[in-house]
Amino acid sequence: METDPPDVLTSTGSGGLFSTGYLRDEPALAAVEDDETPQFALTSRKHGIEIGTSESGKTVRPGSNYRMIGIVTDKRFLLLVGDDDGDTRFAIPHVDIDRISGDHSLGHGQITFRRCGGTEWQVHCGKQGIVDLTAYLSHASQAWVRVENILDEVKRMLVTATEQHDREDHEQALETVLESGDRLDAAGGTATEFGSPGDVNALAGRVTTVRERYIATLTEVRRSRARRAVDTGEQHWRSNDFEMAYDAYEAARAEYDEIFSLPTADIPELADIRTERDRLDTVIEDLKQSPLRTAVAADNEAVAAEDPAVAADHWAKALEAYRDVLELDWGADERRFAGDPEKVRDRLGTVAENLVAARRTVATDAMEAGDWYADASQPDAALEKYETAQTAFEAALADARDCYPDATDHLETELDAVEQRLSRTKARLNGDPVDVDDRFDETGITPDLDITTADERSPSPTDTTDLSDIETGIDGTDPKIDPTGHGGS
């Protein structure tokens, strides 16, 4: 079509003695919709349109001083026949057109095509440009049929993906919707080739409409996968499976990234999805610091505890937590979690010493209480305290063998001493002969243990300088974190 449409498309009214008119009701161009572009125009003054066979068909001719005007757009074939009683309109989509041919051997031109369903149409027109017109109609018909067939397939696949998503079969739903996207790309390629380079055409617009639905479906599937991954990460976090939690959160973040790679104008609930992604980023940052925070919190609680048994429980938790910090991302090129390994390793050694010292304090306190009851001729009470001391020394020895081997010899000596006391106390209770009690023999010197005793607990069982140094790796001042506060959306 020319830049400025010809009069035949923009004028109305009947003709006179020396001219043929146009249409009666409104200009032909008024029948063209906003989403289509005219490509060809054709007219007939006398013959008009023949639909069907001569036996069972009908002929629609323009009235006196009017015309039949045809407009071929990039979407359909419009046929408008003017008459005093009102214009007649036909609209045949390109997808319904088949078997197109042109004939200009007559005194005028003629376009013949078969419409889906078998009805044959003959449109009379001028000879000029009939070859190009029939070629365009043939090309348009083939392109529209191919694209519409693909789009029908895509829409069925999107329905299937939605059903799979509703059944929470997220893996299969994603596979289905991505496959539909590949088919949609094929339709888009055909639509692009159909139009002029750089121009928007109705067929491409048809693909765009379905692509919007595809993007909405894909967004919902990926958003559900992201939320499920967030829930999985939370479950791992609650179990202190920090690396698995991190991997799950990263999988969720990857799903959000895929969503944001789509045309943002077509993403439904975009603002809400951005909020979910921002919240996830915050959760991941908290997770990165959570193991170190857990260790430092237990460390601080151990420092604050006045009861050595309570302190020992906190030291044990701190020891395990610091070990977890060191084991995270073992062998990885980059650490994802907070905590300088060298500083944490130094602190771990101090915590191990404090744990063994606290366990020994519990044991020696119990042993001294047992001695007091033994001296007070209360063997039953003494037996109970010695058994408590034995259990505590065994625990201290186990911890020492695990993390503080320098203390094992001293603790073995003390465990042997309390076991002798137990043996003598049981003998007294049973009326059996009792070995000589050399506890107060001046020659029996108590070993000088190189660990903190109950009466001289280290004034700094956690070196505040070292601990502060570790804490600098944590953002914020709260040493605790509750992973359950960061659920999926």
Foldseek 3Di string as FASTA:
>chain_A
DDPDDDCLQADADFDDDPAAGHAHPGGNVVVDDPQKDWDDKWKDQFFFKWKADPVPTDGDAAAHSYMWMWTDILFWIWIWHHYPVHIDIDTGGLLQWADWDKDQPPVAIWIWIAGPVGMIMIGTGHDPPRVVVSVLSVLSNVLLNLLVVLLVVLVVLLVVLVVCVVVVVLVVSLVSLVVNVVSLVVNLVSLCVSDDPPDRHSSNVVSVVSVLVSLASLLVSLLVQLQVLQQVLLVCVVVVVLVSSLVSLVSSLVSLVVNVVPDLVSYPPSVVSVVQNVLSVVLLLCSLAALLLQLLVLVVVLQPDPQLVSSLVSLVSNLVSLVVVLPQCVPPPDGSHFFDNVLSVVQSLLSLLSNLQSLQQQLVVLQVVLVVCVVVVNLVSSLVSLVSSLVSLVVSLVSCVVRNVVQNVLSVVVNVVSVLVNVQSVCVVVVHDHDDDCPVPPVDDRDDGPGAHNVGPPPCSRPVVSSVVRCVRDPDDNSHDDSVVRHGD
